Amino acid sequence: MSRTFSTCLLILLAAASCTGPVQNGKETIPLVEHIAASADSPDHVLLSSFAKIPSSGSIFVAGSPQVCTLIGNSFRDCDDFDNVRARSFSDGLKDFSGETIALAADEAFAPYGDFVASNGGAAMREVTVRTALAALKEKCSISIYDIEGNKSKAPAKIIVLADPWMLYCGKFDVDTLFSLTSCNVPVVSPLELLAKSAFAGEKKYFNVGLMCDSLYIGTGVYKSVFEEKVAEYSIMGTSYFEAATPSSEGQILAGFLDKYAESGNTAPLDVLLVDDWSVDRQALMDELSLIRDFHKEESMRYGKMISPDFTIFCSSDLTMHECYLTMRKLSLFTHRIALPELKFYTIKPLPGREAQEFLLIPSENV
């Protein structure tokens, strides 16, 4: 048995061990059951206060430090919509003008694959739930010595769980808890949006490629989510291939297709799902245009490796669009005349407490 396979198996066995009480036919963790059953507890009271979502709140993004920064930049720079009628074209105005984007970089538990391997899936699910709770609170800690939390912050009006592990180990629990406590704050998973793009629409994609950061290769998290979603949407006869984002600038799509062929695959891909926020979708589309041009060398080399209807979905674009349209539908925009503001927070372990408890601290104070 190879070392890579052994590591992958260990992580997935740990994730599979995250069982708890049954809620609505599915298992959730004890923390969720406890909060939901304790109507007078501070966490239950907090959650139930979000039956009406405050438009003055923040867009709260949680994940690894690198991903948080990339997502924050995407929110800051996004201009995909006409801000008057929400039509899909740039109008020269930032789509999230006037909004505060709170970026919670996790330095306590990330990288989550290592955390799951060491602590189990139940622990990761609890981390995800506690992260959602921290997003809703109006207080954070001034420093690592401020255990009670004495600094004000804006509560979240939409939450982005940026890491794939947060979907596989935790988003179900967050959704369950929010439903049981009448908390209406939307919770977005970029990877879940990718899966829905491939399987939930009228057109289904059967031969799927996935491009991601090399950090996740060998952990099995994407494969596991893929299998769950295929079962959820009752898709039969699918195949799946994943590879790390190639490092060659200008040859990202070509590099991925090279890896696909080197792995012995011959069937043309129907769709490429990109869960790497450092990748420029337009650059991928430019490469795709060359492959589809019969006059180009790229077409001779790669044309047979993609189906006639081959398409590309990027979690970055899908997340921006989902957040924008959701906030517009729920009237959650602040309508302040200002550029988007990024606020950086750091998640640090809570000294002397349970392993899954943590402090949320403004990054300048860490």
Foldseek 3Di string as FASTA:
>chain_A
DDPLLVLQVLLVVLQVPQFADDDPNRGDHPVLVVLLVPCPDPLLVLLLVQLPFALQFAAEEEDAPVQLVLLVVLQQADAQADCPPRDGHGDPDRLQFPHEYEREHEPQCPVVLVNCSVPGLNLVQLLLQVSLSVQQDQFFAAALVRQPTDHGDGHHQEYEHEDLSCVSRHPVSNVSSSVSSSNDRYYHYLLVLLLCVQQVDPDHWAEEEEEEAPVCPSNCSSVVVNVVSCVVRVPPRHDYYYDYQDPDPLCRVVVSLVVCVVVVDQQAGQEYEYSYSVDDVVSVVVLVVQLPDPVHPNVVVCVSNHDPNYYYDYSSVSVSSVVSVVCVVSVSRPPDRGRYHYWYWYWHDNPPDDSSDTGIHGPVRD
